[in-house]
Amino acid sequence: MRLSPLQDIDERPAAPELQKFSDPDVTLKGETRARVALDRLDTLWINTGTLCNITCVNCYIESSPSNDRLVYMTAAEVRALIEEARHAGTREIGFTGGEPFLNPDILAMITDSLDGGFETLVLTNAMQPMLRPRVRAGLEEILARFGPERLTLRVSLDHHTAALHEKERGADTWAKALEGIDWLTSRGFNITIAGRTCWGESEAAARQGYARLIAERGWKLDASNHASVVLFPEMDGSHDVPEITTRCWSILGKSPSDMMCATSRMVVKRKGAAGPTVVPCTLLPYEPAFDMGPTLADAATVDGGMFDRGAVKLCHPHCAKFCVLGGGSCS
């Protein structure tokens, strides 16, 4: 009988006293763990801090009004990283959180990114922090100076209905998010929408639902375009996932170059730390084992532990569930 890809990956018995993802080089089944080298630094992510104006049920980074495990990055710190990225040939700077518009330096960061010639992506819930008068005025100034072509705001709208969106994001979040999107589109900003795939509906049904909402609101978006409406797989750490071995690339018909860590890095600043540190991607902000050093140059050559001369060993459940098997990418 032909095994499914997942069965084929997990076909060997494991020692019950051990745990998956415990050895950076070898899986529980004794196979060589897959690793991903950086092909090019296409996207540099900046985590602006984990504070957020809302608390979502399944936020992978656990952002909330009280979570400051990742503290605010400063404009000066980001400016130095942007200069490094310019020399590295980076195409895009992405800002994520928490809610980036809570960071008091976010407008300066966006301006510096655009000034540097980068495509600039900001992930936001488009709610009160973004709609504060000072922030709205600053965004309008940025739009007037740079135009809409290189700045994209990706708004989290977890479902195309109020009930399911608020099941994830809490009461009274739906109308406020729509208000923010309405404001952005009325001013001519380039926006996209980020949804989730956890609702038990097909992708086609989800895109049809978003298309109806987009038409009702008059937003200039194409729900069938996967870049305009991005649907993300979930990252629930309670589910068992297979470890990714070197054999998995051929089994799954995928390549290491398809993975997010082949083209991106993220910079975080942990509470109490002297300064920022580079991590492989947006999904591993809290794991000290995945720290790559304070600069992009350090990250390119880090060796030992979870790294092999800058290559990332896929030794975390998120690597398997979100990236390799889920096909997700934050860029």
C-alpha atoms as a PDB file:
ATOM      1  CA  MET A   1       0.000   0.000   0.000  1.00  0.00           C
ATOM      2  CA  ARG A   2       1.293   3.454  -0.903  1.00  0.00           C
ATOM      3  CA  LEU A   3       2.011   5.545   2.177  1.00  0.00           C
ATOM      4  CA  SER A   4       0.869   9.146   2.392  1.00  0.00           C
ATOM      5  CA  PRO A   5       3.673  11.733   2.631  1.00  0.00           C
ATOM      6  CA  LEU A   6       3.157  12.144   6.386  1.00  0.00           C
ATOM      7  CA  GLN A   7       3.122   8.406   6.999  1.00  0.00           C
ATOM      8  CA  ASP A   8       6.290   8.044   4.961  1.00  0.00           C
ATOM      9  CA  ILE A   9       8.007  10.710   7.057  1.00  0.00           C
ATOM     10  CA  ASP A  10       6.963   9.081  10.339  1.00  0.00           C
ATOM     11  CA  GLU A  11       7.315   5.437   9.359  1.00  0.00           C
ATOM     12  CA  ARG A  12      10.096   4.475  11.808  1.00  0.00           C
ATOM     13  CA  PRO A  13       9.346   3.703  15.466  1.00  0.00           C
ATOM     14  CA  ALA A  14      10.695   6.106  18.090  1.00  0.00           C
ATOM     15  CA  ALA A  15      12.113   5.602  21.568  1.00  0.00           C
ATOM     16  CA  PRO A  16       9.205   6.623  23.874  1.00  0.00           C
ATOM     17  CA  GLU A  17      11.431   8.192  26.549  1.00  0.00           C
ATOM     18  CA  LEU A  18      12.750  10.813  24.140  1.00  0.00           C
ATOM     19  CA  GLN A  19      10.973  13.816  22.629  1.00  0.00           C
ATOM     20  CA  LYS A  20      10.763  15.262  19.158  1.00  0.00           C
ATOM     21  CA  PHE A  21      12.774  18.353  18.283  1.00  0.00           C
ATOM     22  CA  SER A  22      15.240  17.724  21.117  1.00  0.00           C
ATOM     23  CA  ASP A  23      18.398  17.201  19.037  1.00  0.00           C
ATOM     24  CA  PRO A  24      19.367  19.887  16.511  1.00  0.00           C
ATOM     25  CA  ASP A  25      21.064  17.410  14.176  1.00  0.00           C
ATOM     26  CA  VAL A  26      19.104  14.146  14.424  1.00  0.00           C
ATOM     27  CA  THR A  27      15.376  13.465  14.624  1.00  0.00           C
ATOM     28  CA  LEU A  28      13.728  11.147  17.120  1.00  0.00           C
ATOM     29  CA  LYS A  29      13.761   8.407  14.446  1.00  0.00           C
ATOM     30  CA  GLY A  30      17.550   8.772  14.031  1.00  0.00           C
ATOM     31  CA  GLU A  31      17.461  10.563  10.668  1.00  0.00           C
ATOM     32  CA  THR A  32      19.388  13.651   9.638  1.00  0.00           C
ATOM     33  CA  ARG A  33      17.397  16.767  10.420  1.00  0.00           C
ATOM     34  CA  ALA A  34      16.648  19.066   7.499  1.00  0.00           C
ATOM     35  CA  ARG A  35      18.279  22.505   7.419  1.00  0.00           C
ATOM     36  CA  VAL A  36      17.769  25.610   5.324  1.00  0.00           C
ATOM     37  CA  ALA A  37      20.514  27.948   4.156  1.00  0.00           C
ATOM     38  CA  LEU A  38      19.904  31.630   3.489  1.00  0.00           C
ATOM     39  CA  ASP A  39      19.723  31.993  -0.291  1.00  0.00           C
ATOM     40  CA  ARG A  40      19.342  35.771  -0.064  1.00  0.00           C
ATOM     41  CA  LEU A  41      18.061  38.235   2.528  1.00  0.00           C
ATOM     42  CA  ASP A  42      14.960  39.268   0.616  1.00  0.00           C
ATOM     43  CA  THR A  43      12.911  40.368   3.656  1.00  0.00           C
ATOM     44  CA  LEU A  44      14.102  41.758   6.968  1.00  0.00           C
ATOM     45  CA  TRP A  45      11.413  41.677   9.650  1.00  0.00           C
ATOM     46  CA  ILE A  46      11.477  44.111  12.564  1.00  0.00           C
ATOM     47  CA  ASN A  47       9.440  43.165  15.615  1.00  0.00           C
ATOM     48  CA  THR A  48       8.419  46.533  17.018  1.00  0.00           C
ATOM     49  CA  GLY A  49       7.351  45.043  20.397  1.00  0.00           C
ATOM     50  CA  THR A  50       4.745  42.541  21.634  1.00  0.00           C
ATOM     51  CA  LEU A  51       2.367  45.036  23.249  1.00  0.00           C
ATOM     52  CA  CYS A  52      -1.010  45.090  21.513  1.00  0.00           C
ATOM     53  CA  ASN A  53      -4.339  46.797  22.084  1.00  0.00           C
ATOM     54  CA  ILE A  54      -6.200  43.460  22.024  1.00  0.00           C
ATOM     55  CA  THR A  55      -5.644  39.862  23.148  1.00  0.00           C
ATOM     56  CA  CYS A  56      -6.338  37.227  20.502  1.00  0.00           C
ATOM     57  CA  VAL A  57      -7.191  33.651  21.440  1.00  0.00           C
ATOM     58  CA  ASN A  58      -4.543  31.978  19.274  1.00  0.00           C
ATOM     59  CA  CYS A  59      -1.875  34.644  18.856  1.00  0.00           C
ATOM     60  CA  TYR A  60       1.328  32.670  18.291  1.00  0.00           C
ATOM     61  CA  ILE A  61       3.429  35.469  19.829  1.00  0.00           C
ATOM     62  CA  GLU A  62       0.941  35.997  22.702  1.00  0.00           C
ATOM     63  CA  SER A  63       0.624  39.736  22.103  1.00  0.00           C
ATOM     64  CA  SER A  64      -1.599  41.602  24.547  1.00  0.00           C
ATOM     65  CA  PRO A  65      -1.905  44.925  26.397  1.00  0.00           C
ATOM     66  CA  SER A  66       0.418  43.495  29.072  1.00  0.00           C
ATOM     67  CA  ASN A  67       2.927  41.316  27.181  1.00  0.00           C
ATOM     68  CA  ASP A  68       6.158  43.279  26.867  1.00  0.00           C
ATOM     69  CA  ARG A  69       8.497  40.286  26.571  1.00  0.00           C
ATOM     70  CA  LEU A  70       9.654  41.929  23.356  1.00  0.00           C
ATOM     71  CA  VAL A  71      10.106  45.614  24.078  1.00  0.00           C
ATOM     72  CA  TYR A  72       9.812  48.532  21.684  1.00  0.00           C
ATOM     73  CA  MET A  73      12.586  48.819  19.120  1.00  0.00           C
ATOM     74  CA  THR A  74      13.822  52.382  18.683  1.00  0.00           C
ATOM     75  CA  ALA A  75      14.142  54.298  15.449  1.00  0.00           C
ATOM     76  CA  ALA A  76      17.931  54.478  15.935  1.00  0.00           C
ATOM     77  CA  GLU A  77      18.202  50.685  16.340  1.00  0.00           C
ATOM     78  CA  VAL A  78      16.081  50.089  13.267  1.00  0.00           C
ATOM     79  CA  ARG A  79      18.047  52.658  11.265  1.00  0.00           C
ATOM     80  CA  ALA A  80      21.261  50.711  11.838  1.00  0.00           C
ATOM     81  CA  LEU A  81      19.571  47.477  10.715  1.00  0.00           C
ATOM     82  CA  ILE A  82      18.152  49.158   7.630  1.00  0.00           C
ATOM     83  CA  GLU A  83      21.648  50.290   6.681  1.00  0.00           C
ATOM     84  CA  GLU A  84      22.906  46.714   7.025  1.00  0.00           C
ATOM     85  CA  ALA A  85      19.997  45.456   4.941  1.00  0.00           C
ATOM     86  CA  ARG A  86      20.774  48.002   2.224  1.00  0.00           C
ATOM     87  CA  HIS A  87      24.289  46.594   1.867  1.00  0.00           C
ATOM     88  CA  ALA A  88      22.861  43.049   1.853  1.00  0.00           C
ATOM     89  CA  GLY A  89      20.644  43.784  -1.154  1.00  0.00           C
ATOM     90  CA  THR A  90      17.424  43.323   0.796  1.00  0.00           C
ATOM     91  CA  ARG A  91      14.200  44.090  -1.080  1.00  0.00           C
ATOM     92  CA  GLU A  92      11.663  44.449   1.715  1.00  0.00           C
ATOM     93  CA  ILE A  93      11.444  45.632   5.327  1.00  0.00           C
ATOM     94  CA  GLY A  94       8.510  44.209   7.292  1.00  0.00           C
ATOM     95  CA  PHE A  95       7.208  45.601  10.591  1.00  0.00           C
ATOM     96  CA  THR A  96       5.274  43.301  12.908  1.00  0.00           C
ATOM     97  CA  GLY A  97       4.298  43.164  16.576  1.00  0.00           C
ATOM     98  CA  GLY A  98       2.269  43.162  18.727  1.00  0.00           C
ATOM     99  CA  GLU A  99       0.588  46.119  17.127  1.00  0.00           C
ATOM    100  CA  PRO A 100       3.292  48.181  15.377  1.00  0.00           C
ATOM    101  CA  PHE A 101       1.323  51.425  15.620  1.00  0.00           C
ATOM    102  CA  LEU A 102       1.662  51.323  19.414  1.00  0.00           C
ATOM    103  CA  ASN A 103       5.404  51.843  19.043  1.00  0.00           C
ATOM    104  CA  PRO A 104       6.036  55.608  19.352  1.00  0.00           C
ATOM    105  CA  ASP A 105       8.779  55.441  16.671  1.00  0.00           C
ATOM    106  CA  ILE A 106       6.824  53.502  14.026  1.00  0.00           C
ATOM    107  CA  LEU A 107       6.280  56.480  11.696  1.00  0.00           C
ATOM    108  CA  ALA A 108      10.001  57.265  11.732  1.00  0.00           C
ATOM    109  CA  MET A 109      10.797  53.596  11.062  1.00  0.00           C
ATOM    110  CA  ILE A 110       8.445  53.452   8.077  1.00  0.00           C
ATOM    111  CA  THR A 111       9.896  56.695   6.733  1.00  0.00           C
ATOM    112  CA  ASP A 112      13.483  55.434   7.086  1.00  0.00           C
ATOM    113  CA  SER A 113      12.581  52.193   5.314  1.00  0.00           C
ATOM    114  CA  LEU A 114      10.981  53.999   2.390  1.00  0.00           C
ATOM    115  CA  ASP A 115      13.829  56.521   2.325  1.00  0.00           C
ATOM    116  CA  GLY A 116      16.200  53.589   1.944  1.00  0.00           C
ATOM    117  CA  GLY A 117      14.371  52.446  -1.183  1.00  0.00           C
ATOM    118  CA  PHE A 118      12.801  49.353   0.369  1.00  0.00           C
ATOM    119  CA  GLU A 119       9.375  47.928  -0.209  1.00  0.00           C
ATOM    120  CA  THR A 120       7.767  48.281   3.205  1.00  0.00           C
ATOM    121  CA  LEU A 121       5.154  46.039   4.801  1.00  0.00           C
ATOM    122  CA  VAL A 122       3.361  46.812   8.077  1.00  0.00           C
ATOM    123  CA  LEU A 123       1.192  44.186   9.797  1.00  0.00           C
ATOM    124  CA  THR A 124      -1.622  45.827  11.751  1.00  0.00           C
ATOM    125  CA  ASN A 125      -5.097  45.239  13.148  1.00  0.00           C
ATOM    126  CA  ALA A 126      -6.030  48.722  11.796  1.00  0.00           C
ATOM    127  CA  MET A 127      -7.786  49.608  15.043  1.00  0.00           C
ATOM    128  CA  GLN A 128      -7.395  52.476  17.519  1.00  0.00           C
ATOM    129  CA  PRO A 129      -3.575  52.733  17.585  1.00  0.00           C
ATOM    130  CA  MET A 130      -3.504  53.272  13.824  1.00  0.00           C
ATOM    131  CA  LEU A 131      -6.463  55.654  13.907  1.00  0.00           C
ATOM    132  CA  ARG A 132      -5.042  58.049  16.482  1.00  0.00           C
ATOM    133  CA  PRO A 133      -4.920  61.571  15.015  1.00  0.00           C
ATOM    134  CA  ARG A 134      -1.119  61.786  15.257  1.00  0.00           C
ATOM    135  CA  VAL A 135      -0.648  58.453  13.504  1.00  0.00           C
ATOM    136  CA  ARG A 136      -3.232  59.182  10.795  1.00  0.00           C
ATOM    137  CA  ALA A 137      -1.599  62.536  10.078  1.00  0.00           C
ATOM    138  CA  GLY A 138       1.831  60.881   9.937  1.00  0.00           C
ATOM    139  CA  LEU A 139       0.617  58.176   7.576  1.00  0.00           C
ATOM    140  CA  GLU A 140      -0.930  60.749   5.290  1.00  0.00           C
ATOM    141  CA  GLU A 141       2.367  62.655   5.218  1.00  0.00           C
ATOM    142  CA  ILE A 142       4.202  59.440   4.328  1.00  0.00           C
ATOM    143  CA  LEU A 143       1.697  58.697   1.566  1.00  0.00           C
ATOM    144  CA  ALA A 144       2.011  62.221   0.163  1.00  0.00           C
ATOM    145  CA  ARG A 145       5.806  61.991   0.147  1.00  0.00           C
ATOM    146  CA  PHE A 146       6.352  58.450  -1.130  1.00  0.00           C
ATOM    147  CA  GLY A 147       3.100  57.455  -2.832  1.00  0.00           C
ATOM    148  CA  PRO A 148       1.361  54.099  -2.335  1.00  0.00           C
ATOM    149  CA  GLU A 149       3.541  51.868  -4.493  1.00  0.00           C
ATOM    150  CA  ARG A 150       6.156  50.694  -1.969  1.00  0.00           C
ATOM    151  CA  LEU A 151       4.106  50.767   1.250  1.00  0.00           C
ATOM    152  CA  THR A 152       1.643  47.973   2.049  1.00  0.00           C
ATOM    153  CA  LEU A 153      -0.447  47.637   5.188  1.00  0.00           C
ATOM    154  CA  ARG A 154      -1.573  44.072   5.815  1.00  0.00           C
ATOM    155  CA  VAL A 155      -4.660  44.101   8.019  1.00  0.00           C
ATOM    156  CA  SER A 156      -5.574  41.087  10.142  1.00  0.00           C
ATOM    157  CA  LEU A 157      -9.180  40.131   9.457  1.00  0.00           C
ATOM    158  CA  ASP A 158      -9.380  36.580  10.717  1.00  0.00           C
ATOM    159  CA  HIS A 159     -12.626  35.720   8.950  1.00  0.00           C
ATOM    160  CA  HIS A 160     -15.038  37.357   6.543  1.00  0.00           C
ATOM    161  CA  THR A 161     -17.804  37.323   9.167  1.00  0.00           C
ATOM    162  CA  ALA A 162     -18.039  39.304  12.376  1.00  0.00           C
ATOM    163  CA  ALA A 163     -18.863  36.251  14.515  1.00  0.00           C
ATOM    164  CA  LEU A 164     -15.745  34.252  13.697  1.00  0.00           C
ATOM    165  CA  HIS A 165     -13.439  37.261  13.569  1.00  0.00           C
ATOM    166  CA  GLU A 166     -14.568  38.226  17.075  1.00  0.00           C
ATOM    167  CA  LYS A 167     -14.322  34.628  18.275  1.00  0.00           C
ATOM    168  CA  GLU A 168     -10.583  35.043  17.750  1.00  0.00           C
ATOM    169  CA  ARG A 169     -10.090  38.761  18.471  1.00  0.00           C
ATOM    170  CA  GLY A 170     -12.735  39.510  21.077  1.00  0.00           C
ATOM    171  CA  ALA A 171     -15.944  41.529  21.260  1.00  0.00           C
ATOM    172  CA  ASP A 172     -16.236  44.866  19.484  1.00  0.00           C
ATOM    173  CA  THR A 173     -13.214  44.274  17.246  1.00  0.00           C
ATOM    174  CA  TRP A 174     -14.997  43.702  13.908  1.00  0.00           C
ATOM    175  CA  ALA A 175     -16.494  47.147  13.352  1.00  0.00           C
ATOM    176  CA  LYS A 176     -13.294  48.854  14.490  1.00  0.00           C
ATOM    177  CA  ALA A 177     -11.195  46.832  12.065  1.00  0.00           C
ATOM    178  CA  LEU A 178     -13.562  47.643   9.203  1.00  0.00           C
ATOM    179  CA  GLU A 179     -13.381  51.334  10.147  1.00  0.00           C
ATOM    180  CA  GLY A 180      -9.604  51.199   9.886  1.00  0.00           C
ATOM    181  CA  ILE A 181      -9.665  49.459   6.500  1.00  0.00           C
ATOM    182  CA  ASP A 182     -12.254  51.940   5.243  1.00  0.00           C
ATOM    183  CA  TRP A 183      -9.994  54.814   6.278  1.00  0.00           C
ATOM    184  CA  LEU A 184      -6.921  53.307   4.603  1.00  0.00           C
ATOM    185  CA  THR A 185      -8.713  52.611   1.341  1.00  0.00           C
ATOM    186  CA  SER A 186     -10.399  56.028   1.290  1.00  0.00           C
ATOM    187  CA  ARG A 187      -6.955  57.659   1.499  1.00  0.00           C
ATOM    188  CA  GLY A 188      -5.463  55.516  -1.261  1.00  0.00           C
ATOM    189  CA  PHE A 189      -3.158  53.267   0.778  1.00  0.00           C
ATOM    190  CA  ASN A 190      -2.176  49.900  -0.613  1.00  0.00           C
ATOM    191  CA  ILE A 191      -3.698  47.255   1.678  1.00  0.00           C
ATOM    192  CA  THR A 192      -3.951  43.489   1.866  1.00  0.00           C
ATOM    193  CA  ILE A 193      -5.909  41.251   4.234  1.00  0.00           C
ATOM    194  CA  ALA A 194      -4.630  38.379   6.379  1.00  0.00           C
ATOM    195  CA  GLY A 195      -7.107  35.653   7.344  1.00  0.00           C
ATOM    196  CA  ARG A 196      -6.939  32.213   8.931  1.00  0.00           C
ATOM    197  CA  THR A 197      -7.688  28.709   7.684  1.00  0.00           C
ATOM    198  CA  CYS A 198      -8.913  27.205  10.968  1.00  0.00           C
ATOM    199  CA  TRP A 199     -12.661  27.577  10.388  1.00  0.00           C
ATOM    200  CA  GLY A 200     -13.465  24.274   8.698  1.00  0.00           C
ATOM    201  CA  GLU A 201     -14.251  25.814   5.312  1.00  0.00           C
ATOM    202  CA  SER A 202     -12.508  25.282   2.012  1.00  0.00           C
ATOM    203  CA  GLU A 203     -10.131  27.898   0.687  1.00  0.00           C
ATOM    204  CA  ALA A 204     -12.520  28.534  -2.195  1.00  0.00           C
ATOM    205  CA  ALA A 205     -15.402  29.201   0.229  1.00  0.00           C
ATOM    206  CA  ALA A 206     -13.216  31.492   2.323  1.00  0.00           C
ATOM    207  CA  ARG A 207     -12.162  33.519  -0.697  1.00  0.00           C
ATOM    208  CA  GLN A 208     -15.769  33.778  -1.852  1.00  0.00           C
ATOM    209  CA  GLY A 209     -16.701  35.093   1.582  1.00  0.00           C
ATOM    210  CA  TYR A 210     -13.945  37.702   1.521  1.00  0.00           C
ATOM    211  CA  ALA A 211     -14.964  38.661  -2.012  1.00  0.00           C
ATOM    212  CA  ARG A 212     -18.527  39.387  -0.818  1.00  0.00           C
ATOM    213  CA  LEU A 213     -17.239  41.499   2.067  1.00  0.00           C
ATOM    214  CA  ILE A 214     -14.824  43.389  -0.189  1.00  0.00           C
ATOM    215  CA  ALA A 215     -17.610  44.152  -2.656  1.00  0.00           C
ATOM    216  CA  GLU A 216     -19.937  45.333   0.124  1.00  0.00           C
ATOM    217  CA  ARG A 217     -17.288  47.700   1.522  1.00  0.00           C
ATOM    218  CA  GLY A 218     -16.011  48.916  -1.838  1.00  0.00           C
ATOM    219  CA  TRP A 219     -12.400  47.986  -1.105  1.00  0.00           C
ATOM    220  CA  LYS A 220     -10.055  47.712  -4.075  1.00  0.00           C
ATOM    221  CA  LEU A 221      -8.933  44.140  -3.469  1.00  0.00           C
ATOM    222  CA  ASP A 222      -9.116  40.868  -5.374  1.00  0.00           C
ATOM    223  CA  ALA A 223      -9.952  38.026  -2.985  1.00  0.00           C
ATOM    224  CA  SER A 224      -8.798  35.444  -5.538  1.00  0.00           C
ATOM    225  CA  ASN A 225      -5.305  36.954  -5.500  1.00  0.00           C
ATOM    226  CA  HIS A 226      -3.265  35.089  -2.877  1.00  0.00           C
ATOM    227  CA  ALA A 227      -1.101  38.151  -2.266  1.00  0.00           C
ATOM    228  CA  SER A 228      -4.120  40.403  -1.666  1.00  0.00           C
ATOM    229  CA  VAL A 229      -5.940  38.035   0.696  1.00  0.00           C
ATOM    230  CA  VAL A 230      -3.426  35.851   2.524  1.00  0.00           C
ATOM    231  CA  LEU A 231      -4.824  32.825   4.374  1.00  0.00           C
ATOM    232  CA  PHE A 232      -2.455  31.505   7.032  1.00  0.00           C
ATOM    233  CA  PRO A 233      -2.250  27.997   8.508  1.00  0.00           C
ATOM    234  CA  GLU A 234      -2.528  27.763  12.281  1.00  0.00           C
ATOM    235  CA  MET A 235       0.406  27.268  14.642  1.00  0.00           C
ATOM    236  CA  ASP A 236      -1.213  25.427  17.544  1.00  0.00           C
ATOM    237  CA  GLY A 237       1.666  23.974  19.540  1.00  0.00           C
ATOM    238  CA  SER A 238      -0.599  21.329  21.128  1.00  0.00           C
ATOM    239  CA  HIS A 239      -0.822  19.314  17.901  1.00  0.00           C
ATOM    240  CA  ASP A 240       1.752  16.634  17.167  1.00  0.00           C
ATOM    241  CA  VAL A 241       3.686  17.203  13.952  1.00  0.00           C
ATOM    242  CA  PRO A 242       6.364  15.132  12.223  1.00  0.00           C
ATOM    243  CA  GLU A 243       9.981  16.179  12.290  1.00  0.00           C
ATOM    244  CA  ILE A 244      11.433  17.262   8.956  1.00  0.00           C
ATOM    245  CA  THR A 245      14.335  15.202   7.656  1.00  0.00           C
ATOM    246  CA  THR A 246      16.495  15.554   4.577  1.00  0.00           C
ATOM    247  CA  ARG A 247      14.300  12.865   2.945  1.00  0.00           C
ATOM    248  CA  CYS A 248      11.213  15.029   3.336  1.00  0.00           C
ATOM    249  CA  TRP A 249      12.129  17.402   0.520  1.00  0.00           C
ATOM    250  CA  SER A 250      11.720  14.681  -2.115  1.00  0.00           C
ATOM    251  CA  ILE A 251       8.765  13.044  -0.334  1.00  0.00           C
ATOM    252  CA  LEU A 252       6.837  16.335  -0.226  1.00  0.00           C
ATOM    253  CA  GLY A 253       8.090  17.713  -3.529  1.00  0.00           C
ATOM    254  CA  LYS A 254       9.494  20.794  -1.833  1.00  0.00           C
ATOM    255  CA  SER A 255      12.847  22.529  -1.640  1.00  0.00           C
ATOM    256  CA  PRO A 256      14.720  24.234   1.203  1.00  0.00           C
ATOM    257  CA  SER A 257      14.614  27.375  -0.951  1.00  0.00           C
ATOM    258  CA  ASP A 258      10.809  27.416  -0.587  1.00  0.00           C
ATOM    259  CA  MET A 259      11.047  28.019   3.167  1.00  0.00           C
ATOM    260  CA  MET A 260      10.699  31.432   4.806  1.00  0.00           C
ATOM    261  CA  CYS A 261      14.120  31.177   6.470  1.00  0.00           C
ATOM    262  CA  ALA A 262      15.763  30.831   3.044  1.00  0.00           C
ATOM    263  CA  THR A 263      14.946  34.462   2.290  1.00  0.00           C
ATOM    264  CA  SER A 264      14.204  36.280   5.561  1.00  0.00           C
ATOM    265  CA  ARG A 265      15.369  37.078   9.070  1.00  0.00           C
ATOM    266  CA  MET A 266      13.679  38.889  11.972  1.00  0.00           C
ATOM    267  CA  VAL A 267      15.134  41.188  14.612  1.00  0.00           C
ATOM    268  CA  VAL A 268      13.697  41.286  18.141  1.00  0.00           C
ATOM    269  CA  LYS A 269      14.577  43.107  21.347  1.00  0.00           C
ATOM    270  CA  ARG A 270      13.846  41.063  24.443  1.00  0.00           C
ATOM    271  CA  LYS A 271      12.968  42.674  27.732  1.00  0.00           C
ATOM    272  CA  GLY A 272      16.128  43.263  29.761  1.00  0.00           C
ATOM    273  CA  ALA A 273      18.472  42.677  26.821  1.00  0.00           C
ATOM    274  CA  ALA A 274      21.220  45.150  26.012  1.00  0.00           C
ATOM    275  CA  GLY A 275      20.106  45.405  22.404  1.00  0.00           C
ATOM    276  CA  PRO A 276      18.370  43.654  19.511  1.00  0.00           C
ATOM    277  CA  THR A 277      19.132  40.150  18.285  1.00  0.00           C
ATOM    278  CA  VAL A 278      18.549  38.423  14.941  1.00  0.00           C
ATOM    279  CA  VAL A 279      16.406  35.270  14.774  1.00  0.00           C
ATOM    280  CA  PRO A 280      15.687  33.043  11.746  1.00  0.00           C
ATOM    281  CA  CYS A 281      12.099  34.129  11.124  1.00  0.00           C
ATOM    282  CA  THR A 282       8.948  35.683  12.561  1.00  0.00           C
ATOM    283  CA  LEU A 283       7.871  32.428  14.254  1.00  0.00           C
ATOM    284  CA  LEU A 284      10.692  32.010  16.785  1.00  0.00           C
ATOM    285  CA  PRO A 285      10.878  35.243  18.775  1.00  0.00           C
ATOM    286  CA  TYR A 286      11.273  33.787  22.268  1.00  0.00           C
ATOM    287  CA  GLU A 287      13.660  30.873  21.728  1.00  0.00           C
ATOM    288  CA  PRO A 288      17.205  31.767  22.916  1.00  0.00           C
ATOM    289  CA  ALA A 289      18.540  28.669  21.158  1.00  0.00           C
ATOM    290  CA  PHE A 290      17.670  30.329  17.855  1.00  0.00           C
ATOM    291  CA  ASP A 291      19.494  33.626  18.548  1.00  0.00           C
ATOM    292  CA  MET A 292      21.830  34.412  15.651  1.00  0.00           C
ATOM    293  CA  GLY A 293      23.670  37.450  17.040  1.00  0.00           C
ATOM    294  CA  PRO A 294      23.174  41.222  17.180  1.00  0.00           C
ATOM    295  CA  THR A 295      23.854  41.991  13.512  1.00  0.00           C
ATOM    296  CA  LEU A 296      22.981  40.539  10.126  1.00  0.00           C
ATOM    297  CA  ALA A 297      26.668  39.871   9.551  1.00  0.00           C
ATOM    298  CA  ASP A 298      26.781  37.754  12.716  1.00  0.00           C
ATOM    299  CA  ALA A 299      23.661  35.874  11.631  1.00  0.00           C
ATOM    300  CA  ALA A 300      25.188  34.997   8.271  1.00  0.00           C
ATOM    301  CA  THR A 301      28.023  32.996   9.833  1.00  0.00           C
ATOM    302  CA  VAL A 302      26.673  31.706  13.175  1.00  0.00           C
ATOM    303  CA  ASP A 303      27.675  28.089  13.750  1.00  0.00           C
ATOM    304  CA  GLY A 304      26.797  25.391  16.279  1.00  0.00           C
ATOM    305  CA  GLY A 305      23.581  24.474  18.086  1.00  0.00           C
ATOM    306  CA  MET A 306      20.629  25.274  15.826  1.00  0.00           C
ATOM    307  CA  PHE A 307      22.858  26.616  13.056  1.00  0.00           C
ATOM    308  CA  ASP A 308      25.327  25.287  10.532  1.00  0.00           C
ATOM    309  CA  ARG A 309      27.399  28.201   9.188  1.00  0.00           C
ATOM    310  CA  GLY A 310      24.295  30.386   9.009  1.00  0.00           C
ATOM    311  CA  ALA A 311      21.929  27.624   7.860  1.00  0.00           C
ATOM    312  CA  VAL A 312      18.909  26.990  10.121  1.00  0.00           C
ATOM    313  CA  LYS A 313      18.258  23.494  11.439  1.00  0.00           C
ATOM    314  CA  LEU A 314      14.496  22.831  11.386  1.00  0.00           C
ATOM    315  CA  CYS A 315      14.312  21.871  15.050  1.00  0.00           C
ATOM    316  CA  HIS A 316      10.984  23.404  16.067  1.00  0.00           C
ATOM    317  CA  PRO A 317       7.328  22.319  15.543  1.00  0.00           C
ATOM    318  CA  HIS A 318       6.544  25.627  13.807  1.00  0.00           C
ATOM    319  CA  CYS A 319       9.130  24.788  11.136  1.00  0.00           C
ATOM    320  CA  ALA A 320       7.179  21.653  10.303  1.00  0.00           C
ATOM    321  CA  LYS A 321       3.565  22.745  10.776  1.00  0.00           C
ATOM    322  CA  PHE A 322       3.576  26.300   9.441  1.00  0.00           C
ATOM    323  CA  CYS A 323       6.350  26.344   6.872  1.00  0.00           C
ATOM    324  CA  VAL A 324       7.133  22.904   5.461  1.00  0.00           C
ATOM    325  CA  LEU A 325       3.713  21.240   5.740  1.00  0.00           C
ATOM    326  CA  GLY A 326       1.495  24.336   5.942  1.00  0.00           C
ATOM    327  CA  GLY A 327       3.225  26.197   3.133  1.00  0.00           C
ATOM    328  CA  GLY A 328       3.053  29.440   5.124  1.00  0.00           C
ATOM    329  CA  SER A 329       5.241  32.493   4.717  1.00  0.00           C
ATOM    330  CA  CYS A 330       4.862  35.868   6.376  1.00  0.00           C
ATOM    331  CA  SER A 331       6.365  37.780   3.437  1.00  0.00           C
END
